[in-house]
Protein backbone atom coordinates (compact mmCIF):
# COMPACT_ATOMS: atom_id res chain seq x y z
CA UNK A 1 96.73 93.23 113.59
CA UNK A 2 96.17 96.89 114.33
CA UNK A 3 93.08 96.55 116.49
CA UNK A 4 94.00 99.90 117.95
CA UNK A 5 93.73 101.47 114.47
CA UNK A 6 90.66 99.83 112.88
CA UNK A 7 89.82 100.68 109.32
CA UNK A 8 93.45 100.91 108.16
CA UNK A 9 94.99 98.31 105.82
CA UNK A 10 97.82 96.24 107.24
CA UNK A 11 99.98 94.07 104.98
CA UNK A 12 101.28 92.18 108.02
CA UNK A 13 97.87 90.54 108.42
CA UNK A 14 98.20 88.68 105.12
CA UNK A 15 101.69 87.56 106.05
CA UNK A 16 100.48 86.32 109.46
CA UNK A 17 97.57 84.45 107.87
CA UNK A 18 99.76 82.68 105.34
CA UNK A 19 102.57 81.86 107.76
CA UNK A 20 100.29 80.51 110.48
CA UNK A 21 98.21 78.49 108.02
CA UNK A 22 101.43 76.84 106.84
CA UNK A 23 103.04 76.39 110.26
CA UNK A 24 99.91 75.00 111.95
CA UNK A 25 98.67 72.93 109.01
CA UNK A 26 99.24 69.60 110.78
CA UNK A 27 98.91 70.51 114.46
CA UNK A 28 96.11 73.06 114.91
CA UNK A 29 92.47 72.13 115.44
CA UNK A 30 91.16 71.73 111.85
CA UNK A 31 87.97 73.68 112.60
CA UNK A 32 89.96 76.58 114.07
CA UNK A 33 92.35 76.41 111.12
CA UNK A 34 89.39 76.44 108.74
CA UNK A 35 88.02 79.57 110.44
CA UNK A 36 91.39 81.27 110.02
CA UNK A 37 91.50 80.13 106.38
CA UNK A 38 88.08 81.69 105.78
CA UNK A 39 89.21 84.94 107.39
CA UNK A 40 92.30 84.98 105.14
CA UNK A 41 90.04 85.05 102.06
CA UNK A 42 91.46 84.86 98.52
CA UNK A 43 94.93 85.84 99.72
CA UNK A 44 95.19 82.65 101.78
CA UNK A 45 94.69 80.28 98.88
CA UNK A 46 96.98 77.28 98.54
CA UNK A 47 95.61 74.31 96.64
CA UNK A 48 97.64 71.61 98.37
CA UNK A 49 97.10 73.09 101.82
CA UNK A 50 93.35 73.58 101.25
CA UNK A 51 92.91 70.01 100.02
CA UNK A 52 94.81 68.74 103.08
CA UNK A 53 92.69 70.92 105.39
CA UNK A 54 89.45 69.63 103.87
CA UNK A 55 90.80 66.12 104.36
CA UNK A 56 91.48 66.78 108.04
CA UNK A 57 87.93 68.11 108.44
CA UNK A 58 86.56 64.95 106.85
CA UNK A 59 88.52 62.86 109.36
CA UNK A 60 86.99 64.55 112.41
CA UNK A 61 85.45 62.06 114.85
CA UNK A 62 81.72 61.53 114.65
CA UNK A 63 81.08 63.10 118.05
CA UNK A 64 82.77 66.39 117.14
CA UNK A 65 80.52 69.44 117.53
CA UNK A 66 81.10 70.34 113.88
CA UNK A 67 79.10 67.25 112.89
CA UNK A 68 76.29 67.98 115.33
CA UNK A 69 75.64 71.46 113.91
CA UNK A 70 76.22 70.32 110.28
CA UNK A 71 79.09 72.72 109.89
CA UNK A 72 81.32 70.76 107.51
CA UNK A 73 79.46 71.65 104.27
CA UNK A 74 79.55 75.32 105.30
CA UNK A 75 83.31 75.17 105.82
CA UNK A 76 83.87 73.41 102.52
CA UNK A 77 81.81 75.93 100.56
CA UNK A 78 83.39 78.90 102.34
CA UNK A 79 86.93 77.71 101.58
CA UNK A 80 86.32 76.81 97.93
CA UNK A 81 84.41 80.06 97.32
CA UNK A 82 87.57 82.06 97.98
CA UNK A 83 88.87 80.82 94.61
CA UNK A 84 86.14 82.84 92.92
CA UNK A 85 85.99 85.70 95.43
CA UNK A 86 87.77 88.36 93.38
CA UNK A 87 87.09 91.17 91.00
CA UNK A 88 87.22 90.30 87.32
CA UNK A 89 90.00 92.80 86.67
CA UNK A 90 92.36 90.78 88.88
CA UNK A 91 91.35 87.38 87.56
CA UNK A 92 94.29 86.91 85.21
CA UNK A 93 96.88 87.52 87.94
CA UNK A 94 95.56 84.55 89.93
CA UNK A 95 95.24 82.08 87.10
CA UNK A 96 97.57 79.62 88.79
CA UNK A 97 95.17 79.17 91.72
CA UNK A 98 92.13 77.92 89.82
CA UNK A 99 90.12 75.17 91.53
CA UNK A 100 91.14 71.63 90.59
CA UNK A 101 89.12 68.38 90.48
CA UNK A 102 90.96 67.29 93.63
CA UNK A 103 89.78 70.40 95.51
CA UNK A 104 86.21 69.93 94.35
CA UNK A 105 86.29 66.26 95.32
CA UNK A 106 87.60 67.11 98.80
CA UNK A 107 84.83 69.70 99.26
CA UNK A 108 82.12 67.35 98.00
CA UNK A 109 83.32 64.68 100.43
CA UNK A 110 82.25 67.09 103.19
CA UNK A 111 78.89 67.73 101.55
CA UNK A 112 79.93 70.96 99.87
CA UNK A 113 79.29 71.97 96.30
CA UNK A 114 82.95 72.26 95.32
CA UNK A 115 82.58 75.60 93.58
CA UNK A 116 81.57 76.33 89.97
CA UNK A 117 84.04 75.97 87.08
CA UNK A 118 86.01 79.15 86.68
CA UNK A 119 88.22 80.44 83.89
CA UNK A 120 90.41 83.53 84.35
CA UNK A 121 89.85 86.45 82.02
CA UNK A 122 92.84 86.99 79.70
CA UNK A 123 94.31 90.44 80.18
CA UNK A 124 97.19 92.00 78.29
CA UNK A 125 100.19 92.66 80.47
CA UNK A 126 100.48 96.30 81.56
CA UNK A 127 103.66 96.15 83.63
CA UNK A 128 105.78 99.26 83.87
CA UNK A 129 108.43 97.65 81.67
CA UNK A 130 106.29 97.34 78.55
CA UNK A 131 103.44 99.78 79.15
CA UNK A 132 103.40 102.78 76.83
CA UNK A 133 100.02 104.29 77.50
CA UNK A 134 96.66 103.67 75.82
CA UNK A 135 97.75 102.39 72.39
CA UNK A 136 100.50 105.00 72.20
CA UNK A 137 98.00 107.86 72.11
CA UNK A 138 98.12 110.75 74.54
CA UNK A 139 95.93 113.81 75.05
CA UNK A 140 97.07 116.72 72.91
CA UNK A 141 97.73 118.96 75.90
CA UNK A 142 99.91 116.36 77.63
CA UNK A 143 101.84 115.68 74.43
CA UNK A 144 102.54 119.36 73.78
CA UNK A 145 103.53 119.88 77.42
CA UNK A 146 106.13 117.10 77.15
CA UNK A 147 107.62 118.64 73.99
CA UNK A 148 108.31 122.02 75.59
CA UNK A 149 111.15 122.62 77.99
CA UNK A 150 110.32 124.89 80.94
CA UNK A 151 111.58 128.46 81.18
CA UNK A 152 113.90 128.47 84.19
CA UNK A 153 115.15 131.45 86.21
CA UNK A 154 118.82 132.07 86.75
CA UNK A 155 120.87 130.83 89.68
CA UNK A 156 119.68 128.60 92.53
CA UNK A 157 116.03 129.34 91.78
CA UNK A 158 116.47 127.81 88.33
CA UNK A 159 118.05 124.67 89.78
CA UNK A 160 115.17 124.03 92.17
CA UNK A 161 112.59 124.93 89.50
CA UNK A 162 114.13 122.37 87.12
CA UNK A 163 114.10 119.64 89.78
CA UNK A 164 110.52 120.39 90.80
CA UNK A 165 109.33 120.44 87.18
CA UNK A 166 110.91 117.05 86.48
CA UNK A 167 109.52 115.67 89.74
CA UNK A 168 106.02 116.69 88.62
CA UNK A 169 106.02 114.18 85.75
CA UNK A 170 103.16 111.74 86.15
CA UNK A 171 103.73 108.05 85.59
CA UNK A 172 101.67 107.98 82.40
CA UNK A 173 102.86 111.29 80.91
CA UNK A 174 104.19 110.98 77.34
CA UNK A 175 107.96 111.07 76.84
CA UNK A 176 109.50 114.21 75.45
CA UNK A 177 112.32 116.77 75.72
CA UNK A 178 110.82 118.20 78.92
CA UNK A 179 111.69 115.01 80.79
CA UNK A 180 115.19 114.56 79.33
CA UNK A 181 117.71 113.43 81.95
CA UNK A 182 120.57 115.09 80.06
CA UNK A 183 118.70 118.39 79.91
CA UNK A 184 118.05 118.27 83.66
CA UNK A 185 121.68 117.44 84.41
CA UNK A 186 122.83 120.37 82.27
CA UNK A 187 120.33 122.78 83.84
CA UNK A 188 121.50 121.81 87.32
CA UNK A 189 125.20 121.30 86.66
CA UNK A 190 126.00 124.52 84.82
CA UNK A 191 124.09 126.61 87.35
CA UNK A 192 126.11 124.93 90.13
CA UNK A 193 129.31 125.91 88.35
CA UNK A 194 127.99 129.45 88.01
CA UNK A 195 127.08 129.64 91.70
CA UNK A 196 130.50 128.24 92.63
CA UNK A 197 132.25 131.00 90.69
CA UNK A 198 130.03 133.82 91.98
CA UNK A 199 129.20 132.80 95.55
CA UNK A 200 131.80 130.17 96.41
CA UNK A 201 131.83 126.36 96.84
CA UNK A 202 130.01 126.48 100.19
CA UNK A 203 126.92 127.99 98.54
CA UNK A 204 127.06 125.31 95.83
CA UNK A 205 127.36 122.55 98.46
CA UNK A 206 124.33 123.94 100.33
CA UNK A 207 122.37 123.95 97.08
CA UNK A 208 123.25 120.29 96.49
CA UNK A 209 121.81 119.42 99.89
CA UNK A 210 118.71 121.48 99.08
CA UNK A 211 118.27 119.54 95.83
CA UNK A 212 118.39 116.26 97.76
CA UNK A 213 115.78 117.57 100.21
CA UNK A 214 113.45 118.52 97.35
CA UNK A 215 113.37 114.99 95.97
CA UNK A 216 111.10 112.19 97.06
CA UNK A 217 111.63 108.50 96.38
CA UNK A 218 110.16 108.75 92.87
CA UNK A 219 111.97 111.98 91.97
CA UNK A 220 114.83 112.34 89.46
CA UNK A 221 117.49 111.36 92.00
CA UNK A 222 119.79 110.11 89.22
CA UNK A 223 120.51 113.74 88.37
CA UNK A 224 122.76 113.90 91.47
CA UNK A 225 124.87 111.06 90.07
CA UNK A 226 125.05 112.81 86.68
CA UNK A 227 126.10 116.07 88.32
CA UNK A 228 128.72 114.23 90.42
CA UNK A 229 130.18 112.70 87.25
CA UNK A 230 130.34 116.14 85.58
CA UNK A 231 132.03 117.74 88.58
CA UNK A 232 134.49 114.86 88.80
CA UNK A 233 135.50 115.42 85.17
CA UNK A 234 136.34 119.04 86.01
CA UNK A 235 138.22 118.24 89.20
CA UNK A 236 141.62 118.83 87.54
CA UNK A 237 140.65 122.47 86.89
CA UNK A 238 140.32 123.26 90.60
CA UNK A 239 140.79 120.18 92.82
CA UNK A 240 140.05 122.05 96.05
CA UNK A 241 136.75 123.31 94.64
CA UNK A 242 135.30 120.63 92.38
CA UNK A 243 136.67 117.69 94.39
CA UNK A 244 134.57 118.36 97.52
CA UNK A 245 131.52 119.24 95.39
CA UNK A 246 131.87 116.00 93.41
CA UNK A 247 132.14 114.08 96.69
CA UNK A 248 129.02 115.78 98.10
CA UNK A 249 126.96 115.18 94.94
CA UNK A 250 128.08 111.55 94.71
CA UNK A 251 127.42 110.90 98.38
CA UNK A 252 123.95 112.40 98.22
CA UNK A 253 123.23 110.34 95.11
CA UNK A 254 124.38 107.16 96.88
CA UNK A 255 122.16 107.70 99.91
CA UNK A 256 119.11 108.96 97.99
CA UNK A 257 118.93 106.31 95.23
CA UNK A 258 116.89 103.43 96.63
CA UNK A 259 118.49 100.00 96.57
CA UNK A 260 117.21 96.45 96.29
CA UNK A 261 114.76 97.27 93.53
CA UNK A 262 113.35 100.15 95.55
CA UNK A 263 112.78 98.25 98.80
CA UNK A 264 115.72 99.78 100.66
CA UNK A 265 114.98 103.40 101.40
CA UNK A 266 118.61 104.24 102.22
CA UNK A 267 121.17 103.43 99.52
CA UNK A 268 121.89 99.77 98.80
CA UNK A 269 124.23 97.51 96.87
CA UNK A 270 123.07 98.76 93.47
CA UNK A 271 125.23 101.89 93.17
CA UNK A 272 128.29 101.24 95.32
CA UNK A 273 130.44 102.91 92.68
CA UNK A 274 128.95 106.24 93.77
CA UNK A 275 130.48 105.80 97.23
CA UNK A 276 133.82 104.85 95.66
CA UNK A 277 133.78 107.85 93.34
CA UNK A 278 132.84 110.23 96.17
CA UNK A 279 135.60 108.81 98.36
CA UNK A 280 138.11 109.20 95.51
CA UNK A 281 137.06 112.81 94.89
CA UNK A 282 137.47 113.86 98.54
CA UNK A 283 137.60 111.19 101.25
CA UNK A 284 137.05 113.58 104.18
CA UNK A 285 133.99 115.23 102.64
CA UNK A 286 132.55 111.85 101.61
CA UNK A 287 132.91 110.45 105.15
CA UNK A 288 131.37 113.55 106.73
CA UNK A 289 128.45 113.68 104.27
CA UNK A 290 127.71 109.97 104.77
CA UNK A 291 127.72 110.42 108.55
CA UNK A 292 125.40 113.41 108.25
CA UNK A 293 122.98 111.51 106.02
CA UNK A 294 122.82 108.60 108.47
CA UNK A 295 122.26 110.98 111.38
CA UNK A 296 119.51 112.83 109.51
CA UNK A 297 117.79 109.56 108.63
CA UNK A 298 117.85 108.32 112.23
CA UNK A 299 116.62 111.67 113.56
CA UNK A 300 113.74 111.79 111.06
CA UNK A 301 110.32 110.89 112.56
CA UNK A 302 109.84 108.40 109.72
CA UNK A 303 113.01 106.47 110.64
CA UNK A 304 110.90 103.43 111.56
CA UNK A 305 110.19 103.04 107.83
CA UNK A 306 113.85 103.42 106.79
CA UNK A 307 115.20 100.13 105.49
CA UNK A 308 118.79 99.25 104.71
CA UNK A 309 120.87 101.79 106.66
CA UNK A 310 123.16 99.28 108.37
CA UNK A 311 123.30 97.07 105.30
CA UNK A 312 124.32 99.96 103.06
CA UNK A 313 127.12 100.94 105.46
CA UNK A 314 128.44 97.39 105.66
CA UNK A 315 128.37 97.07 101.86
CA UNK A 316 129.99 100.46 101.31
CA UNK A 317 132.78 99.90 103.84
CA UNK A 318 133.44 96.41 102.49
CA UNK A 319 134.19 97.77 99.03
CA UNK A 320 135.91 100.99 100.17
CA UNK A 321 137.05 101.62 103.72
CA UNK A 322 136.46 105.23 104.79
CA UNK A 323 139.91 105.32 106.41
CA UNK A 324 142.72 104.22 104.11
CA UNK A 325 145.04 103.71 107.10
CA UNK A 326 142.89 100.89 108.48
CA UNK A 327 143.06 97.29 107.20
CA UNK A 328 140.68 96.49 104.32
CA UNK A 329 137.09 95.69 105.40
CA UNK A 330 137.88 96.46 109.05
CA UNK A 331 135.20 99.16 109.19
CA UNK A 332 132.67 96.87 107.50
CA UNK A 333 133.24 94.17 110.13
CA UNK A 334 133.05 96.73 112.94
CA UNK A 335 129.77 98.06 111.52
CA UNK A 336 128.38 94.53 111.29
CA UNK A 337 129.41 93.74 114.87
CA UNK A 338 127.63 96.89 116.10
CA UNK A 339 124.49 95.96 114.16
CA UNK A 340 124.66 92.41 115.50
CA UNK A 341 124.73 93.64 119.09
CA UNK A 342 121.51 95.59 118.49
CA UNK A 343 119.81 92.64 116.77
CA UNK A 344 120.86 90.22 119.51
CA UNK A 345 119.50 92.60 122.16
CA UNK A 346 116.13 92.98 120.42
CA UNK A 347 115.43 89.35 119.56
CA UNK A 348 114.55 86.60 122.02
CA UNK A 349 116.45 83.33 122.03
CA UNK A 350 120.08 82.72 121.22
CA UNK A 351 121.54 84.53 118.20
CA UNK A 352 125.07 83.14 117.77
CA UNK A 353 127.34 84.14 114.92
CA UNK A 354 128.62 80.63 114.24
CA UNK A 355 125.28 78.90 113.65
CA UNK A 356 124.24 80.72 110.48
CA UNK A 357 120.59 80.63 111.56
CA UNK A 358 118.57 82.20 114.33
CA UNK A 359 116.75 79.78 116.63
CA UNK A 360 114.25 81.55 118.89
CA UNK A 361 113.26 80.20 122.27
CA UNK A 362 109.53 80.86 122.56
CA UNK A 363 107.64 80.66 125.79
CA UNK A 364 106.02 77.26 126.37
CA UNK A 365 102.53 77.17 124.91
CA UNK A 366 99.97 74.41 124.70
CA UNK A 367 98.17 73.67 121.45
CA UNK A 368 94.98 74.95 123.08
CA UNK A 369 96.64 78.33 123.65
CA UNK A 370 97.84 78.38 120.03
CA UNK A 371 94.36 77.54 118.76
CA UNK A 372 92.90 80.34 120.88
CA UNK A 373 95.42 82.76 119.41
CA UNK A 374 94.41 81.64 115.90
CA UNK A 375 90.78 82.34 116.83
CA UNK A 376 91.76 85.84 117.92
CA UNK A 377 93.45 86.52 114.60
CA UNK A 378 90.45 85.25 112.65
CA UNK A 379 88.04 87.50 114.55
CA UNK A 380 90.42 90.48 114.54
CA UNK A 381 90.22 90.52 110.74
CA UNK A 382 87.03 92.53 111.20
CA UNK A 383 89.26 95.55 111.89
CA UNK A 384 90.43 95.63 108.25
CA UNK A 385 88.78 98.20 105.98
CA UNK A 386 87.48 95.94 103.18
CA UNK A 387 83.87 94.79 103.44
CA UNK A 388 84.86 91.28 102.36
CA UNK A 389 87.29 90.97 105.28
CA UNK A 390 84.57 92.00 107.73
CA UNK A 391 82.10 89.54 106.20
CA UNK A 392 84.56 86.66 106.42
CA UNK A 393 85.46 87.57 110.02
CA UNK A 394 81.77 87.35 110.98
CA UNK A 395 81.52 84.00 109.23
CA UNK A 396 84.58 82.80 111.16
CA UNK A 397 82.96 83.99 114.40
CA UNK A 398 79.81 82.03 113.57
CA UNK A 399 81.82 78.89 112.85
CA UNK A 400 83.80 79.13 116.06
CA UNK A 401 80.83 79.93 118.30
CA UNK A 402 78.91 76.98 116.87
CA UNK A 403 81.68 74.40 117.18
CA UNK A 404 84.41 75.75 119.48
CA UNK A 405 82.49 77.94 121.95
CA UNK A 406 85.12 78.18 124.71
CA UNK A 407 87.89 79.38 122.42
CA UNK A 408 85.50 81.63 120.50
CA UNK A 409 84.41 83.35 123.72
CA UNK A 410 88.02 83.88 124.77
CA UNK A 411 88.77 85.38 121.35
CA UNK A 412 85.73 87.67 121.55
CA UNK A 413 86.80 88.83 125.02
CA UNK A 414 90.09 89.90 123.47
CA UNK A 415 88.60 91.69 120.43
CA UNK A 416 85.56 93.47 121.91
CA UNK A 417 87.45 95.97 124.14
CA UNK A 418 88.97 97.71 121.12
CA UNK A 419 87.26 100.71 119.59
CA UNK A 420 86.21 99.00 116.36
CA UNK A 421 83.25 101.31 115.84
CA UNK A 422 79.51 100.85 116.26
CA UNK A 423 79.05 98.72 113.14
CA UNK A 424 81.69 96.00 113.67
CA UNK A 425 80.98 95.75 117.42
CA UNK A 426 77.24 95.45 116.83
CA UNK A 427 77.76 92.79 114.15
CA UNK A 428 80.01 90.73 116.44
CA UNK A 429 77.53 91.00 119.31
CA UNK A 430 74.66 90.04 117.00
CA UNK A 431 76.54 86.90 115.91
CA UNK A 432 77.24 86.09 119.57
CA UNK A 433 73.56 86.63 120.46
CA UNK A 434 72.37 84.42 117.58
CA UNK A 435 74.81 81.60 118.40
CA UNK A 436 75.06 81.93 122.17
CA UNK A 437 76.65 78.72 123.48
CA UNK A 438 75.07 76.64 126.21
CA UNK A 439 76.53 76.95 129.66
CA UNK A 440 78.08 79.85 131.55
CA UNK A 441 79.77 82.71 129.79
CA UNK A 442 83.52 83.04 129.81
CA UNK A 443 84.36 85.34 132.78
CA UNK A 444 86.47 87.68 130.63
CA UNK A 445 83.72 87.89 128.02
CA UNK A 446 81.12 88.57 130.71
CA UNK A 447 83.27 91.44 132.00
CA UNK A 448 83.54 92.97 128.52
CA UNK A 449 79.79 92.66 127.91
CA UNK A 450 79.08 94.47 131.18
CA UNK A 451 81.44 97.25 130.10
CA UNK A 452 79.76 97.51 126.69
CA UNK A 453 76.35 97.93 128.37
CA UNK A 454 77.51 101.40 129.39
CA UNK A 455 78.79 102.31 125.91
CA UNK A 456 77.75 105.59 124.35
CA UNK A 457 76.88 103.65 121.16
CA UNK A 458 73.21 102.75 121.46
CA UNK A 459 73.26 99.69 119.19
CA UNK A 460 76.26 98.25 121.04
CA UNK A 461 74.66 98.89 124.41
CA UNK A 462 71.39 97.26 123.41
CA UNK A 463 73.01 94.18 121.85
CA UNK A 464 75.38 93.65 124.80
CA UNK A 465 72.42 93.82 127.19
CA UNK A 466 70.50 91.32 125.06
CA UNK A 467 73.42 88.86 125.17
CA UNK A 468 73.67 89.09 128.96
CA UNK A 469 69.93 88.67 129.35
CA UNK A 470 69.90 85.58 127.11
CA UNK A 471 72.78 84.13 129.12
CA UNK A 472 70.81 84.54 132.34
CA UNK A 473 72.56 87.64 133.68
CA UNK A 474 71.11 90.97 134.73
CA UNK A 475 72.60 93.71 132.53
CA UNK A 476 73.57 96.92 134.30
CA UNK A 477 71.46 99.99 133.82
CA UNK A 478 72.77 102.43 131.22
CA UNK A 479 74.55 105.47 132.64
CA UNK A 480 72.54 108.59 133.30
CA UNK A 481 73.37 111.33 130.85
CA UNK A 482 72.24 114.90 130.55
CA UNK A 483 69.39 115.56 128.12
CA UNK A 484 70.10 117.37 124.91
CA UNK A 485 69.69 121.15 125.42
CA UNK A 486 66.83 121.30 122.90
CA UNK A 487 65.02 118.45 124.64
CA UNK A 488 65.61 120.06 128.04
CA UNK A 489 64.15 123.37 126.82
CA UNK A 490 61.12 121.60 125.35
CA UNK A 491 60.42 119.73 128.59
CA UNK A 492 60.85 122.90 130.65
CA UNK A 493 58.49 124.79 128.37
CA UNK A 494 55.90 121.98 128.57
CA UNK A 495 56.10 121.90 132.36
CA UNK A 496 55.70 125.67 132.48
CA UNK A 497 52.58 125.45 130.31
CA UNK A 498 51.06 122.82 132.61
CA UNK A 499 51.79 124.91 135.71
CA UNK A 500 50.08 127.90 134.13
CA UNK A 501 47.04 125.84 133.38
């Protein structure tokens, strides 16, 4: 959870919710688990797991605090309501998670309503594979634009203009000659041949690298593979010229085309033939270009988001060793061993090659510590940008303060120091003030409340002081700050008027 960057979406939160709800389904405190389930919202739905959780809540002993504050019906309604907590436009995608009689019965056993009957709205599939625009009709301007090929300048300027024009195609633009892959390959390929004849192969190779730099992940990167195939066909004309160019174009195509269905940002197993073809055209150039592309990727500030670099190298070297004098697959194994050393250094536990599975060795933790960590995650959901996530986090805070006050206070002490903004901090403090547990405050929470009493956010300062006062503590005085210049001038003018009188 990015508490340090509140207001930004974080896909890892959903993954943490779902994994922890599954891993702690049988061992965690059911009330704490229910609070985390509420914070997870619609994305945490699992019929079997929710029915089992409601059953665990029903089996709580009679002296549990959740019974004393009549919390069980609230938990049941909050969990079942997530099955209807969605916009209508997304209803059809979640049709498999509709409430069942078993879920309603489990909720009603706790005194809940069980949720109203719900039927998903049928929606026609609009996946990218079968979507062709609104009933095949396009605006006249967009249709005419797609039918006209752009006027391109001569030389390198024409190459880059063609690539940029094709990259400008919107997802829902109508098909037409302007977006023809063959036309783009011809526009780029013949100009490369022209530049090779007039300026030399080095200028053409530099232009190939410039083309690769111009393209983003959704650009027409396949044109590099088409150009490589065309240059390879002409290699017999001038092997020393078209061979290295074919290797460069093929190598750039291999590293730029995303693999694994688009998930791997650096090459992949999908187009290994491009590496083979580049190596066949000119092995030395292919090796050097691959090394340069890896180095550029690692040196890029966005390297943390690059996925698949080591995997692509292992796959490429397994099918074609960069050095023909070495035994087959020797470089692939060496690359894997180097990657393994890095992985073993980063991960805790014992990562042995022979086991086939990684078994971490976590630090010893009691179930109470785990439950407290689950409380922290539930409350930290307030840092997400969606209003629904904030609302559910406040509900989880209310549940925990009412029934598990010690763990709730420890979780609040962890969340409050972060700069969540005046709104979320005030809402959390208001919930704490309204459901202040009996007994002394958690020392860490008391320390954070004292610090918030000196905040420059007035609502936070006032609410933190109110919590301390209700808990029997004397809040510190707010810090002295200089008056606003306008106010200072007004007071000085008023005092001057009184002195004159």
